[in-house]
Amino acid sequence: GGLAQAGGSLRLSCAASGLTFSSHAMGWFRQAPGKE
């Protein structure tokens, strides 16, 4: 994560341990200030 300008790009990573990818769903969620 970090700061980007509008129109720019970022790449997030999620390193997982203790589970097997093939038997799990992996998701990304986000929460903006004051929102669900």
ModelCIF file with pLDDT and N, C-alpha, C, O atoms, coordinates in Angstrom:
data_MODEL
#
_entry.id   MODEL 
#
_entity.id                         1 
_entity.type                       polymer 
_entity.pdbx_number_of_molecules   1 
#
_entity_poly.entity_id                      1 
_entity_poly.type                           'polypeptide(L)' 
_entity_poly.nstd_linkage                   no 
_entity_poly.nstd_monomer                   no 
_entity_poly.pdbx_seq_one_letter_code       GGLAQAGGSLRLSCAASGLTFSSHAMGWFRQAPGKE 
_entity_poly.pdbx_seq_one_letter_code_can   GGLAQAGGSLRLSCAASGLTFSSHAMGWFRQAPGKE 
_entity_poly.pdbx_strand_id                 A 
#
loop_
_entity_poly_seq.entity_id 
_entity_poly_seq.num 
_entity_poly_seq.mon_id 
_entity_poly_seq.hetero 
1 1  GLY n 
1 2  GLY n 
1 3  LEU n 
1 4  ALA n 
1 5  GLN n 
1 6  ALA n 
1 7  GLY n 
1 8  GLY n 
1 9  SER n 
1 10 LEU n 
1 11 ARG n 
1 12 LEU n 
1 13 SER n 
1 14 CYS n 
1 15 ALA n 
1 16 ALA n 
1 17 SER n 
1 18 GLY n 
1 19 LEU n 
1 20 THR n 
1 21 PHE n 
1 22 SER n 
1 23 SER n 
1 24 HIS n 
1 25 ALA n 
1 26 MET n 
1 27 GLY n 
1 28 TRP n 
1 29 PHE n 
1 30 ARG n 
1 31 GLN n 
1 32 ALA n 
1 33 PRO n 
1 34 GLY n 
1 35 LYS n 
1 36 GLU n 
#
_struct_asym.id          A 
_struct_asym.entity_id   1 
#
loop_
_ma_qa_metric.id 
_ma_qa_metric.mode 
_ma_qa_metric.name 
_ma_qa_metric.software_group_id 
_ma_qa_metric.type 
1 global pLDDT . pLDDT 
2 local  pLDDT . pLDDT 
#
_ma_qa_metric_global.metric_id      1 
_ma_qa_metric_global.metric_value   94.92 
_ma_qa_metric_global.model_id       1 
_ma_qa_metric_global.ordinal_id     1 
#
loop_
_ma_qa_metric_local.label_asym_id 
_ma_qa_metric_local.label_comp_id 
_ma_qa_metric_local.label_seq_id 
_ma_qa_metric_local.metric_id 
_ma_qa_metric_local.metric_value 
_ma_qa_metric_local.model_id 
_ma_qa_metric_local.ordinal_id 
A GLY 1  2 93.00 1 1  
A GLY 2  2 97.00 1 2  
A LEU 3  2 97.00 1 3  
A ALA 4  2 98.00 1 4  
A GLN 5  2 98.00 1 5  
A ALA 6  2 98.00 1 6  
A GLY 7  2 98.00 1 7  
A GLY 8  2 98.00 1 8  
A SER 9  2 98.00 1 9  
A LEU 10 2 98.00 1 10 
A ARG 11 2 98.00 1 11 
A LEU 12 2 98.00 1 12 
A SER 13 2 98.00 1 13 
A CYS 14 2 97.00 1 14 
A ALA 15 2 96.00 1 15 
A ALA 16 2 96.00 1 16 
A SER 17 2 95.00 1 17 
A GLY 18 2 94.00 1 18 
A LEU 19 2 91.00 1 19 
A THR 20 2 85.00 1 20 
A PHE 21 2 79.00 1 21 
A SER 22 2 79.00 1 22 
A SER 23 2 88.00 1 23 
A HIS 24 2 92.00 1 24 
A ALA 25 2 95.00 1 25 
A MET 26 2 96.00 1 26 
A GLY 27 2 97.00 1 27 
A TRP 28 2 98.00 1 28 
A PHE 29 2 98.00 1 29 
A ARG 30 2 98.00 1 30 
A GLN 31 2 98.00 1 31 
A ALA 32 2 97.00 1 32 
A PRO 33 2 92.00 1 33 
A GLY 34 2 95.00 1 34 
A LYS 35 2 97.00 1 35 
A GLU 36 2 97.00 1 36 
#
loop_
_atom_site.group_PDB 
_atom_site.id 
_atom_site.type_symbol 
_atom_site.label_atom_id 
_atom_site.label_alt_id 
_atom_site.label_comp_id 
_atom_site.label_asym_id 
_atom_site.label_entity_id 
_atom_site.label_seq_id 
_atom_site.pdbx_PDB_ins_code 
_atom_site.Cartn_x 
_atom_site.Cartn_y 
_atom_site.Cartn_z 
_atom_site.occupancy 
_atom_site.B_iso_or_equiv 
_atom_site.pdbx_formal_charge 
_atom_site.auth_seq_id 
_atom_site.auth_comp_id 
_atom_site.auth_asym_id 
_atom_site.auth_atom_id 
_atom_site.pdbx_PDB_model_num 
ATOM 1   N N  . GLY A 1 1  ? 0.826   -1.196  0.000   1.00 93.00 ? 1  GLY A N  1 
ATOM 2   C CA . GLY A 1 1  ? 0.000   0.000   0.000   1.00 93.00 ? 1  GLY A CA 1 
ATOM 3   C C  . GLY A 1 1  ? 0.865   1.253   0.000   1.00 93.00 ? 1  GLY A C  1 
ATOM 4   O O  . GLY A 1 1  ? 2.089   1.182   0.115   1.00 93.00 ? 1  GLY A O  1 
ATOM 5   N N  . GLY A 1 2  ? 0.217   2.382   -0.129  1.00 97.00 ? 2  GLY A N  1 
ATOM 6   C CA . GLY A 1 2  ? 0.949   3.636   -0.123  1.00 97.00 ? 2  GLY A CA 1 
ATOM 7   C C  . GLY A 1 2  ? 0.158   4.735   -0.782  1.00 97.00 ? 2  GLY A C  1 
ATOM 8   O O  . GLY A 1 2  ? -1.068  4.679   -0.872  1.00 97.00 ? 2  GLY A O  1 
ATOM 9   N N  . LEU A 1 3  ? 0.874   5.727   -1.238  1.00 97.00 ? 3  LEU A N  1 
ATOM 10  C CA . LEU A 1 3  ? 0.264   6.903   -1.856  1.00 97.00 ? 3  LEU A CA 1 
ATOM 11  C C  . LEU A 1 3  ? 0.478   6.859   -3.360  1.00 97.00 ? 3  LEU A C  1 
ATOM 12  O O  . LEU A 1 3  ? 1.581   6.589   -3.834  1.00 97.00 ? 3  LEU A O  1 
ATOM 13  N N  . ALA A 1 4  ? -0.582  7.125   -4.100  1.00 98.00 ? 4  ALA A N  1 
ATOM 14  C CA . ALA A 1 4  ? -0.496  7.186   -5.555  1.00 98.00 ? 4  ALA A CA 1 
ATOM 15  C C  . ALA A 1 4  ? -1.318  8.372   -6.049  1.00 98.00 ? 4  ALA A C  1 
ATOM 16  O O  . ALA A 1 4  ? -2.243  8.828   -5.378  1.00 98.00 ? 4  ALA A O  1 
ATOM 17  N N  . GLN A 1 5  ? -0.971  8.851   -7.209  1.00 98.00 ? 5  GLN A N  1 
ATOM 18  C CA . GLN A 1 5  ? -1.765  9.909   -7.832  1.00 98.00 ? 5  GLN A CA 1 
ATOM 19  C C  . GLN A 1 5  ? -2.880  9.289   -8.648  1.00 98.00 ? 5  GLN A C  1 
ATOM 20  O O  . GLN A 1 5  ? -2.774  8.146   -9.091  1.00 98.00 ? 5  GLN A O  1 
ATOM 21  N N  . ALA A 1 6  ? -3.924  10.026  -8.841  1.00 98.00 ? 6  ALA A N  1 
ATOM 22  C CA . ALA A 1 6  ? -5.014  9.549   -9.687  1.00 98.00 ? 6  ALA A CA 1 
ATOM 23  C C  . ALA A 1 6  ? -4.460  9.171   -11.060 1.00 98.00 ? 6  ALA A C  1 
ATOM 24  O O  . ALA A 1 6  ? -3.666  9.903   -11.651 1.00 98.00 ? 6  ALA A O  1 
ATOM 25  N N  . GLY A 1 7  ? -4.891  8.028   -11.543 1.00 98.00 ? 7  GLY A N  1 
ATOM 26  C CA . GLY A 1 7  ? -4.387  7.507   -12.803 1.00 98.00 ? 7  GLY A CA 1 
ATOM 27  C C  . GLY A 1 7  ? -3.177  6.615   -12.655 1.00 98.00 ? 7  GLY A C  1 
ATOM 28  O O  . GLY A 1 7  ? -2.749  5.973   -13.614 1.00 98.00 ? 7  GLY A O  1 
ATOM 29  N N  . GLY A 1 8  ? -2.624  6.573   -11.458 1.00 98.00 ? 8  GLY A N  1 
ATOM 30  C CA . GLY A 1 8  ? -1.445  5.776   -11.210 1.00 98.00 ? 8  GLY A CA 1 
ATOM 31  C C  . GLY A 1 8  ? -1.767  4.333   -10.858 1.00 98.00 ? 8  GLY A C  1 
ATOM 32  O O  . GLY A 1 8  ? -2.910  3.890   -10.969 1.00 98.00 ? 8  GLY A O  1 
ATOM 33  N N  . SER A 1 9  ? -0.740  3.610   -10.431 1.00 98.00 ? 9  SER A N  1 
ATOM 34  C CA . SER A 1 9  ? -0.882  2.190   -10.139 1.00 98.00 ? 9  SER A CA 1 
ATOM 35  C C  . SER A 1 9  ? -0.195  1.834   -8.825  1.00 98.00 ? 9  SER A C  1 
ATOM 36  O O  . SER A 1 9  ? 0.758   2.486   -8.397  1.00 98.00 ? 9  SER A O  1 
ATOM 37  N N  . LEU A 1 10 ? -0.703  0.798   -8.213  1.00 98.00 ? 10 LEU A N  1 
ATOM 38  C CA . LEU A 1 10 ? -0.081  0.181   -7.052  1.00 98.00 ? 10 LEU A CA 1 
ATOM 39  C C  . LEU A 1 10 ? -0.321  -1.317  -7.146  1.00 98.00 ? 10 LEU A C  1 
ATOM 40  O O  . LEU A 1 10 ? -1.293  -1.759  -7.758  1.00 98.00 ? 10 LEU A O  1 
ATOM 41  N N  . ARG A 1 11 ? 0.555   -2.087  -6.547  1.00 98.00 ? 11 ARG A N  1 
ATOM 42  C CA . ARG A 1 11 ? 0.337   -3.532  -6.465  1.00 98.00 ? 11 ARG A CA 1 
ATOM 43  C C  . ARG A 1 11 ? 0.411   -3.950  -5.006  1.00 98.00 ? 11 ARG A C  1 
ATOM 44  O O  . ARG A 1 11 ? 1.404   -3.715  -4.318  1.00 98.00 ? 11 ARG A O  1 
ATOM 45  N N  . LEU A 1 12 ? -0.660  -4.571  -4.559  1.00 98.00 ? 12 LEU A N  1 
ATOM 46  C CA . LEU A 1 12 ? -0.713  -5.103  -3.207  1.00 98.00 ? 12 LEU A CA 1 
ATOM 47  C C  . LEU A 1 12 ? -0.353  -6.588  -3.229  1.00 98.00 ? 12 LEU A C  1 
ATOM 48  O O  . LEU A 1 12 ? -0.636  -7.301  -4.191  1.00 98.00 ? 12 LEU A O  1 
ATOM 49  N N  . SER A 1 13 ? 0.267   -7.022  -2.161  1.00 98.00 ? 13 SER A N  1 
ATOM 50  C CA . SER A 1 13 ? 0.600   -8.437  -2.000  1.00 98.00 ? 13 SER A CA 1 
ATOM 51  C C  . SER A 1 13 ? 0.000   -8.947  -0.702  1.00 98.00 ? 13 SER A C  1 
ATOM 52  O O  . SER A 1 13 ? -0.139  -8.204  0.270   1.00 98.00 ? 13 SER A O  1 
ATOM 53  N N  . CYS A 1 14 ? -0.347  -10.202 -0.702  1.00 97.00 ? 14 CYS A N  1 
ATOM 54  C CA . CYS A 1 14 ? -0.851  -10.861 0.506   1.00 97.00 ? 14 CYS A CA 1 
ATOM 55  C C  . CYS A 1 14 ? -0.144  -12.206 0.607   1.00 97.00 ? 14 CYS A C  1 
ATOM 56  O O  . CYS A 1 14 ? -0.414  -13.122 -0.169  1.00 97.00 ? 14 CYS A O  1 
ATOM 57  N N  . ALA A 1 15 ? 0.754   -12.311 1.564   1.00 96.00 ? 15 ALA A N  1 
ATOM 58  C CA . ALA A 1 15 ? 1.465   -13.563 1.795   1.00 96.00 ? 15 ALA A CA 1 
ATOM 59  C C  . ALA A 1 15 ? 0.689   -14.379 2.810   1.00 96.00 ? 15 ALA A C  1 
ATOM 60  O O  . ALA A 1 15 ? 0.431   -13.931 3.927   1.00 96.00 ? 15 ALA A O  1 
ATOM 61  N N  . ALA A 1 16 ? 0.324   -15.584 2.404   1.00 96.00 ? 16 ALA A N  1 
ATOM 62  C CA . ALA A 1 16 ? -0.490  -16.445 3.256   1.00 96.00 ? 16 ALA A CA 1 
ATOM 63  C C  . ALA A 1 16 ? 0.334   -17.620 3.762   1.00 96.00 ? 16 ALA A C  1 
ATOM 64  O O  . ALA A 1 16 ? 1.140   -18.189 3.026   1.00 96.00 ? 16 ALA A O  1 
ATOM 65  N N  . SER A 1 17 ? 0.128   -17.969 4.996   1.00 95.00 ? 17 SER A N  1 
ATOM 66  C CA . SER A 1 17 ? 0.767   -19.154 5.559   1.00 95.00 ? 17 SER A CA 1 
ATOM 67  C C  . SER A 1 17 ? -0.268  -19.916 6.369   1.00 95.00 ? 17 SER A C  1 
ATOM 68  O O  . SER A 1 17 ? -1.230  -19.341 6.878   1.00 95.00 ? 17 SER A O  1 
ATOM 69  N N  . GLY A 1 18 ? -0.050  -21.232 6.480   1.00 94.00 ? 18 GLY A N  1 
ATOM 70  C CA . GLY A 1 18 ? -0.953  -22.050 7.274   1.00 94.00 ? 18 GLY A CA 1 
ATOM 71  C C  . GLY A 1 18 ? -2.209  -22.501 6.553   1.00 94.00 ? 18 GLY A C  1 
ATOM 72  O O  . GLY A 1 18 ? -3.120  -23.038 7.181   1.00 94.00 ? 18 GLY A O  1 
ATOM 73  N N  . LEU A 1 19 ? -2.273  -22.293 5.245   1.00 91.00 ? 19 LEU A N  1 
ATOM 74  C CA . LEU A 1 19 ? -3.432  -22.765 4.498   1.00 91.00 ? 19 LEU A CA 1 
ATOM 75  C C  . LEU A 1 19 ? -2.998  -23.187 3.104   1.00 91.00 ? 19 LEU A C  1 
ATOM 76  O O  . LEU A 1 19 ? -1.907  -22.851 2.643   1.00 91.00 ? 19 LEU A O  1 
ATOM 77  N N  . THR A 1 20 ? -3.876  -23.933 2.445   1.00 85.00 ? 20 THR A N  1 
ATOM 78  C CA . THR A 1 20 ? -3.624  -24.404 1.092   1.00 85.00 ? 20 THR A CA 1 
ATOM 79  C C  . THR A 1 20 ? -4.504  -23.614 0.137   1.00 85.00 ? 20 THR A C  1 
ATOM 80  O O  . THR A 1 20 ? -5.729  -23.622 0.259   1.00 85.00 ? 20 THR A O  1 
ATOM 81  N N  . PHE A 1 21 ? -3.878  -22.933 -0.809  1.00 79.00 ? 21 PHE A N  1 
ATOM 82  C CA . PHE A 1 21 ? -4.639  -22.100 -1.730  1.00 79.00 ? 21 PHE A CA 1 
ATOM 83  C C  . PHE A 1 21 ? -5.763  -22.876 -2.408  1.00 79.00 ? 21 PHE A C  1 
ATOM 84  O O  . PHE A 1 21 ? -6.881  -22.376 -2.539  1.00 79.00 ? 21 PHE A O  1 
ATOM 85  N N  . SER A 1 22 ? -5.464  -24.086 -2.833  1.00 79.00 ? 22 SER A N  1 
ATOM 86  C CA . SER A 1 22 ? -6.419  -24.827 -3.662  1.00 79.00 ? 22 SER A CA 1 
ATOM 87  C C  . SER A 1 22 ? -7.725  -25.116 -2.939  1.00 79.00 ? 22 SER A C  1 
ATOM 88  O O  . SER A 1 22 ? -8.739  -25.368 -3.590  1.00 79.00 ? 22 SER A O  1 
ATOM 89  N N  . SER A 1 23 ? -7.729  -25.087 -1.625  1.00 88.00 ? 23 SER A N  1 
ATOM 90  C CA . SER A 1 23 ? -8.947  -25.389 -0.880  1.00 88.00 ? 23 SER A CA 1 
ATOM 91  C C  . SER A 1 23 ? -9.581  -24.151 -0.261  1.00 88.00 ? 23 SER A C  1 
ATOM 92  O O  . SER A 1 23 ? -10.503 -24.255 0.548   1.00 88.00 ? 23 SER A O  1 
ATOM 93  N N  . HIS A 1 24 ? -9.085  -22.986 -0.642  1.00 92.00 ? 24 HIS A N  1 
ATOM 94  C CA . HIS A 1 24 ? -9.611  -21.747 -0.084  1.00 92.00 ? 24 HIS A CA 1 
ATOM 95  C C  . HIS A 1 24 ? -9.966  -20.751 -1.175  1.00 92.00 ? 24 HIS A C  1 
ATOM 96  O O  . HIS A 1 24 ? -9.404  -20.770 -2.270  1.00 92.00 ? 24 HIS A O  1 
ATOM 97  N N  . ALA A 1 25 ? -10.892 -19.900 -0.854  1.00 95.00 ? 25 ALA A N  1 
ATOM 98  C CA . ALA A 1 25 ? -11.138 -18.715 -1.650  1.00 95.00 ? 25 ALA A CA 1 
ATOM 99  C C  . ALA A 1 25 ? -10.301 -17.592 -1.049  1.00 95.00 ? 25 ALA A C  1 
ATOM 100 O O  . ALA A 1 25 ? -10.222 -17.449 0.171   1.00 95.00 ? 25 ALA A O  1 
ATOM 101 N N  . MET A 1 26 ? -9.680  -16.799 -1.914  1.00 96.00 ? 26 MET A N  1 
ATOM 102 C CA . MET A 1 26 ? -8.888  -15.667 -1.472  1.00 96.00 ? 26 MET A CA 1 
ATOM 103 C C  . MET A 1 26 ? -9.550  -14.392 -1.977  1.00 96.00 ? 26 MET A C  1 
ATOM 104 O O  . MET A 1 26 ? -9.856  -14.267 -3.163  1.00 96.00 ? 26 MET A O  1 
ATOM 105 N N  . GLY A 1 27 ? -9.762  -13.470 -1.088  1.00 97.00 ? 27 GLY A N  1 
ATOM 106 C CA . GLY A 1 27 ? -10.462 -12.251 -1.465  1.00 97.00 ? 27 GLY A CA 1 
ATOM 107 C C  . GLY A 1 27 ? -9.741  -10.993 -1.030  1.00 97.00 ? 27 GLY A C  1 
ATOM 108 O O  . GLY A 1 27 ? -8.908  -11.007 -0.124  1.00 97.00 ? 27 GLY A O  1 
ATOM 109 N N  . TRP A 1 28 ? -10.078 -9.923  -1.689  1.00 98.00 ? 28 TRP A N  1 
ATOM 110 C CA . TRP A 1 28 ? -9.649  -8.586  -1.275  1.00 98.00 ? 28 TRP A CA 1 
ATOM 111 C C  . TRP A 1 28 ? -10.905 -7.770  -0.978  1.00 98.00 ? 28 TRP A C  1 
ATOM 112 O O  . TRP A 1 28 ? -11.866 -7.771  -1.747  1.00 98.00 ? 28 TRP A O  1 
ATOM 113 N N  . PHE A 1 29 ? -10.871 -7.091  0.133   1.00 98.00 ? 29 PHE A N  1 
ATOM 114 C CA . PHE A 1 29 ? -11.930 -6.176  0.530   1.00 98.00 ? 29 PHE A CA 1 
ATOM 115 C C  . PHE A 1 29 ? -11.283 -4.829  0.854   1.00 98.00 ? 29 PHE A C  1 
ATOM 116 O O  . PHE A 1 29 ? -10.067 -4.741  1.027   1.00 98.00 ? 29 PHE A O  1 
ATOM 117 N N  . ARG A 1 30 ? -12.091 -3.800  0.932   1.00 98.00 ? 30 ARG A N  1 
ATOM 118 C CA . ARG A 1 30 ? -11.549 -2.497  1.309   1.00 98.00 ? 30 ARG A CA 1 
ATOM 119 C C  . ARG A 1 30 ? -12.558 -1.736  2.158   1.00 98.00 ? 30 ARG A C  1 
ATOM 120 O O  . ARG A 1 30 ? -13.767 -1.953  2.078   1.00 98.00 ? 30 ARG A O  1 
ATOM 121 N N  . GLN A 1 31 ? -12.023 -0.847  2.965   1.00 98.00 ? 31 GLN A N  1 
ATOM 122 C CA . GLN A 1 31 ? -12.875 -0.018  3.814   1.00 98.00 ? 31 GLN A CA 1 
ATOM 123 C C  . GLN A 1 31 ? -12.393 1.413   3.757   1.00 98.00 ? 31 GLN A C  1 
ATOM 124 O O  . GLN A 1 31 ? -11.287 1.733   4.194   1.00 98.00 ? 31 GLN A O  1 
ATOM 125 N N  . ALA A 1 32 ? -13.232 2.262   3.217   1.00 97.00 ? 32 ALA A N  1 
ATOM 126 C CA . ALA A 1 32 ? -12.936 3.691   3.153   1.00 97.00 ? 32 ALA A CA 1 
ATOM 127 C C  . ALA A 1 32 ? -13.380 4.344   4.453   1.00 97.00 ? 32 ALA A C  1 
ATOM 128 O O  . ALA A 1 32 ? -14.234 3.805   5.158   1.00 97.00 ? 32 ALA A O  1 
ATOM 129 N N  . PRO A 1 33 ? -12.812 5.495   4.777   1.00 92.00 ? 33 PRO A N  1 
ATOM 130 C CA . PRO A 1 33 ? -13.187 6.180   6.022   1.00 92.00 ? 33 PRO A CA 1 
ATOM 131 C C  . PRO A 1 33 ? -14.681 6.434   6.097   1.00 92.00 ? 33 PRO A C  1 
ATOM 132 O O  . PRO A 1 33 ? -15.280 6.970   5.165   1.00 92.00 ? 33 PRO A O  1 
ATOM 133 N N  . GLY A 1 34 ? -15.272 6.045   7.208   1.00 95.00 ? 34 GLY A N  1 
ATOM 134 C CA . GLY A 1 34 ? -16.687 6.291   7.424   1.00 95.00 ? 34 GLY A CA 1 
ATOM 135 C C  . GLY A 1 34 ? -17.619 5.384   6.658   1.00 95.00 ? 34 GLY A C  1 
ATOM 136 O O  . GLY A 1 34 ? -18.832 5.595   6.663   1.00 95.00 ? 34 GLY A O  1 
ATOM 137 N N  . LYS A 1 35 ? -17.076 4.380   6.001   1.00 97.00 ? 35 LYS A N  1 
ATOM 138 C CA . LYS A 1 35 ? -17.903 3.470   5.213   1.00 97.00 ? 35 LYS A CA 1 
ATOM 139 C C  . LYS A 1 35 ? -17.743 2.035   5.668   1.00 97.00 ? 35 LYS A C  1 
ATOM 140 O O  . LYS A 1 35 ? -16.797 1.692   6.377   1.00 97.00 ? 35 LYS A O  1 
ATOM 141 N N  . GLU A 1 36 ? -18.686 1.197   5.247   1.00 97.00 ? 36 GLU A N  1 
ATOM 142 C CA . GLU A 1 36 ? -18.604 -0.227  5.535   1.00 97.00 ? 36 GLU A CA 1 
ATOM 143 C C  . GLU A 1 36 ? -17.521 -0.859  4.664   1.00 97.00 ? 36 GLU A C  1 
ATOM 144 O O  . GLU A 1 36 ? -17.286 -2.064  4.749   1.00 97.00 ? 36 GLU A O  1 
#
